[in-house]
Amino acid sequence: MYYVYAISSLERNYIYVGLTDNIERRLSEHNTGKNKTTKAYSPFVLIYFEKCGNRIEARIKEKYFKSGSGKEKLRIIRENQGQ
């Protein structure tokens, strides 16, 4: 089972989108600075995740959320959560 997820920096205006087979572990890795790309933006909060049947499906959804319209959808989700 794979998930596509989006996390939002609590300190800066930054949303990261990725895929994983373990959301809790992956969020912990982002928040403890183990990911080079997101280290400067921590701490993070999970704003969105979606269960996918396999890695290919998760990758397709990840690409969408990294696009302009996908990022805009995530910004709206973040705003509605009070971030």
N, C-alpha and C. Protein backbone atom coordinates (compact mmCIF):
# COMPACT_ATOMS: atom_id res chain seq x y z
N MET A 1 0.84 -1.18 0.00
CA MET A 1 0.00 0.00 0.00
C MET A 1 0.89 1.24 0.00
N TYR A 2 0.59 2.17 -0.88
CA TYR A 2 1.33 3.42 -0.97
C TYR A 2 0.39 4.60 -0.73
N TYR A 3 0.97 5.70 -0.33
CA TYR A 3 0.24 6.92 -0.07
C TYR A 3 0.93 8.08 -0.78
N VAL A 4 0.13 9.00 -1.28
CA VAL A 4 0.67 10.29 -1.71
C VAL A 4 0.29 11.24 -0.57
N TYR A 5 1.20 12.13 -0.21
CA TYR A 5 0.96 12.99 0.94
C TYR A 5 1.48 14.40 0.67
N ALA A 6 0.95 15.34 1.42
CA ALA A 6 1.41 16.73 1.36
C ALA A 6 1.61 17.22 2.79
N ILE A 7 2.74 17.87 3.00
CA ILE A 7 3.04 18.45 4.30
C ILE A 7 3.28 19.94 4.11
N SER A 8 2.95 20.70 5.14
CA SER A 8 3.11 22.15 5.09
C SER A 8 4.04 22.58 6.21
N SER A 9 4.98 23.46 5.88
CA SER A 9 5.88 24.02 6.88
C SER A 9 5.08 24.90 7.83
N LEU A 10 5.36 24.80 9.12
CA LEU A 10 4.69 25.63 10.11
C LEU A 10 5.33 27.02 10.19
N GLU A 11 6.53 27.16 9.67
CA GLU A 11 7.27 28.42 9.80
C GLU A 11 7.37 29.21 8.50
N ARG A 12 7.25 28.55 7.37
CA ARG A 12 7.41 29.21 6.09
C ARG A 12 6.30 28.79 5.13
N ASN A 13 6.15 29.52 4.06
CA ASN A 13 5.11 29.23 3.07
C ASN A 13 5.64 28.17 2.10
N TYR A 14 5.56 26.90 2.52
CA TYR A 14 6.15 25.83 1.74
C TYR A 14 5.30 24.57 1.89
N ILE A 15 4.95 23.97 0.77
CA ILE A 15 4.23 22.69 0.77
C ILE A 15 5.09 21.68 0.02
N TYR A 16 5.27 20.52 0.63
CA TYR A 16 6.05 19.43 0.02
C TYR A 16 5.09 18.28 -0.28
N VAL A 17 5.24 17.69 -1.45
CA VAL A 17 4.42 16.55 -1.87
C VAL A 17 5.33 15.35 -2.11
N GLY A 18 4.95 14.20 -1.61
CA GLY A 18 5.74 13.00 -1.82
C GLY A 18 4.87 11.75 -1.79
N LEU A 19 5.54 10.61 -1.91
CA LEU A 19 4.83 9.33 -1.79
C LEU A 19 5.64 8.42 -0.87
N THR A 20 4.94 7.52 -0.20
CA THR A 20 5.58 6.66 0.77
C THR A 20 4.71 5.44 1.04
N ASP A 21 5.30 4.46 1.70
CA ASP A 21 4.52 3.32 2.17
C ASP A 21 4.29 3.40 3.68
N ASN A 22 4.81 4.47 4.33
CA ASN A 22 4.65 4.65 5.77
C ASN A 22 4.63 6.15 6.08
N ILE A 23 3.45 6.72 6.22
CA ILE A 23 3.31 8.16 6.41
C ILE A 23 3.92 8.62 7.73
N GLU A 24 3.70 7.91 8.80
CA GLU A 24 4.22 8.33 10.11
C GLU A 24 5.74 8.41 10.09
N ARG A 25 6.38 7.38 9.54
CA ARG A 25 7.84 7.37 9.46
C ARG A 25 8.35 8.52 8.59
N ARG A 26 7.68 8.73 7.48
CA ARG A 26 8.12 9.76 6.54
C ARG A 26 7.97 11.16 7.13
N LEU A 27 6.88 11.43 7.82
CA LEU A 27 6.69 12.73 8.47
C LEU A 27 7.77 12.95 9.53
N SER A 28 8.08 11.90 10.28
CA SER A 28 9.15 11.99 11.27
C SER A 28 10.49 12.31 10.62
N GLU A 29 10.77 11.70 9.49
CA GLU A 29 12.02 11.97 8.77
C GLU A 29 12.09 13.43 8.33
N HIS A 30 10.98 13.97 7.86
CA HIS A 30 10.96 15.38 7.47
C HIS A 30 11.18 16.29 8.67
N ASN A 31 10.53 15.98 9.78
CA ASN A 31 10.61 16.85 10.96
C ASN A 31 11.93 16.75 11.71
N THR A 32 12.68 15.68 11.51
CA THR A 32 13.96 15.55 12.20
C THR A 32 15.14 15.91 11.30
N GLY A 33 14.85 16.43 10.11
CA GLY A 33 15.91 16.91 9.23
C GLY A 33 16.63 15.83 8.44
N LYS A 34 16.06 14.65 8.33
CA LYS A 34 16.71 13.56 7.59
C LYS A 34 16.53 13.68 6.08
N ASN A 35 15.66 14.59 5.66
CA ASN A 35 15.44 14.82 4.23
C ASN A 35 16.09 16.13 3.84
N LYS A 36 17.06 16.07 2.97
CA LYS A 36 17.84 17.24 2.56
C LYS A 36 16.97 18.34 1.96
N THR A 37 16.00 17.96 1.15
CA THR A 37 15.14 18.93 0.46
C THR A 37 14.30 19.75 1.43
N THR A 38 13.81 19.14 2.50
CA THR A 38 12.88 19.83 3.39
C THR A 38 13.51 20.28 4.71
N LYS A 39 14.75 19.97 4.94
CA LYS A 39 15.41 20.26 6.22
C LYS A 39 15.25 21.73 6.64
N ALA A 40 15.43 22.66 5.71
CA ALA A 40 15.39 24.09 6.04
C ALA A 40 13.98 24.59 6.34
N TYR A 41 12.95 23.80 6.05
CA TYR A 41 11.58 24.25 6.20
C TYR A 41 10.85 23.63 7.40
N SER A 42 11.49 22.76 8.13
CA SER A 42 10.81 22.09 9.25
C SER A 42 10.53 23.08 10.36
N PRO A 43 9.55 22.82 11.20
CA PRO A 43 8.72 21.63 11.32
C PRO A 43 7.53 21.63 10.34
N PHE A 44 6.98 20.44 10.15
CA PHE A 44 5.88 20.24 9.21
C PHE A 44 4.66 19.65 9.89
N VAL A 45 3.53 19.87 9.24
CA VAL A 45 2.29 19.23 9.64
C VAL A 45 1.70 18.58 8.38
N LEU A 46 1.11 17.42 8.55
CA LEU A 46 0.47 16.71 7.44
C LEU A 46 -0.84 17.41 7.11
N ILE A 47 -1.00 17.83 5.85
CA ILE A 47 -2.25 18.51 5.46
C ILE A 47 -3.12 17.66 4.56
N TYR A 48 -2.53 16.63 3.93
CA TYR A 48 -3.30 15.80 3.01
C TYR A 48 -2.60 14.46 2.80
N PHE A 49 -3.38 13.40 2.69
CA PHE A 49 -2.85 12.12 2.23
C PHE A 49 -3.95 11.35 1.54
N GLU A 50 -3.54 10.48 0.64
CA GLU A 50 -4.48 9.66 -0.12
C GLU A 50 -3.89 8.28 -0.31
N LYS A 51 -4.68 7.27 -0.01
CA LYS A 51 -4.25 5.89 -0.18
C LYS A 51 -4.31 5.50 -1.65
N CYS A 52 -3.28 4.82 -2.12
CA CYS A 52 -3.21 4.39 -3.51
C CYS A 52 -2.97 2.88 -3.56
N GLY A 53 -3.43 2.26 -4.61
CA GLY A 53 -3.32 0.82 -4.73
C GLY A 53 -1.90 0.31 -4.94
N ASN A 54 -1.06 1.11 -5.60
CA ASN A 54 0.32 0.70 -5.86
C ASN A 54 1.19 1.94 -6.07
N ARG A 55 2.48 1.72 -6.24
CA ARG A 55 3.43 2.82 -6.36
C ARG A 55 3.19 3.64 -7.63
N ILE A 56 2.82 2.99 -8.70
CA ILE A 56 2.58 3.69 -9.97
C ILE A 56 1.41 4.67 -9.83
N GLU A 57 0.33 4.20 -9.22
CA GLU A 57 -0.83 5.07 -8.99
C GLU A 57 -0.45 6.25 -8.09
N ALA A 58 0.34 5.98 -7.05
CA ALA A 58 0.78 7.04 -6.15
C ALA A 58 1.65 8.05 -6.88
N ARG A 59 2.50 7.59 -7.76
CA ARG A 59 3.39 8.49 -8.52
C ARG A 59 2.59 9.40 -9.45
N ILE A 60 1.55 8.88 -10.06
CA ILE A 60 0.69 9.68 -10.93
C ILE A 60 0.02 10.80 -10.13
N LYS A 61 -0.51 10.45 -8.95
CA LYS A 61 -1.16 11.45 -8.11
C LYS A 61 -0.14 12.45 -7.56
N GLU A 62 1.06 11.98 -7.24
CA GLU A 62 2.12 12.87 -6.78
C GLU A 62 2.45 13.91 -7.85
N LYS A 63 2.57 13.48 -9.09
CA LYS A 63 2.85 14.41 -10.20
C LYS A 63 1.74 15.46 -10.32
N TYR A 64 0.49 15.02 -10.16
CA TYR A 64 -0.62 15.97 -10.23
C TYR A 64 -0.49 17.03 -9.13
N PHE A 65 -0.24 16.60 -7.88
CA PHE A 65 -0.17 17.55 -6.78
C PHE A 65 1.07 18.45 -6.84
N LYS A 66 2.05 18.07 -7.63
CA LYS A 66 3.22 18.92 -7.83
C LYS A 66 3.00 19.91 -8.98
N SER A 67 1.91 19.75 -9.72
CA SER A 67 1.57 20.67 -10.82
C SER A 67 0.94 21.93 -10.25
N GLY A 68 0.75 22.93 -11.10
CA GLY A 68 0.15 24.19 -10.67
C GLY A 68 -1.24 24.03 -10.09
N SER A 69 -2.11 23.30 -10.78
CA SER A 69 -3.48 23.14 -10.28
C SER A 69 -3.53 22.26 -9.03
N GLY A 70 -2.65 21.28 -8.96
CA GLY A 70 -2.58 20.43 -7.76
C GLY A 70 -2.10 21.21 -6.55
N LYS A 71 -1.06 22.04 -6.74
CA LYS A 71 -0.55 22.87 -5.64
C LYS A 71 -1.62 23.86 -5.17
N GLU A 72 -2.37 24.40 -6.10
CA GLU A 72 -3.44 25.33 -5.73
C GLU A 72 -4.49 24.63 -4.87
N LYS A 73 -4.84 23.41 -5.23
CA LYS A 73 -5.79 22.63 -4.43
C LYS A 73 -5.25 22.41 -3.01
N LEU A 74 -3.94 22.13 -2.90
CA LEU A 74 -3.33 21.93 -1.58
C LEU A 74 -3.30 23.22 -0.78
N ARG A 75 -3.09 24.35 -1.43
CA ARG A 75 -3.12 25.65 -0.73
C ARG A 75 -4.51 25.90 -0.13
N ILE A 76 -5.54 25.56 -0.89
CA ILE A 76 -6.91 25.72 -0.41
C ILE A 76 -7.16 24.81 0.79
N ILE A 77 -6.71 23.57 0.71
CA ILE A 77 -6.84 22.63 1.83
C ILE A 77 -6.14 23.19 3.06
N ARG A 78 -4.92 23.71 2.86
CA ARG A 78 -4.15 24.26 3.99
C ARG A 78 -4.87 25.45 4.61
N GLU A 79 -5.39 26.33 3.78
CA GLU A 79 -6.11 27.51 4.29
C GLU A 79 -7.36 27.11 5.07
N ASN A 80 -8.07 26.09 4.60
CA ASN A 80 -9.28 25.64 5.29
C ASN A 80 -8.97 24.95 6.61
N GLN A 81 -7.72 24.50 6.78
CA GLN A 81 -7.31 23.89 8.05
C GLN A 81 -6.75 24.92 9.01
N GLY A 82 -6.66 26.17 8.57
CA GLY A 82 -6.18 27.24 9.44
C GLY A 82 -4.67 27.34 9.51
N GLN A 83 -3.96 26.83 8.52
CA GLN A 83 -2.49 26.89 8.50
C GLN A 83 -2.01 28.23 8.03
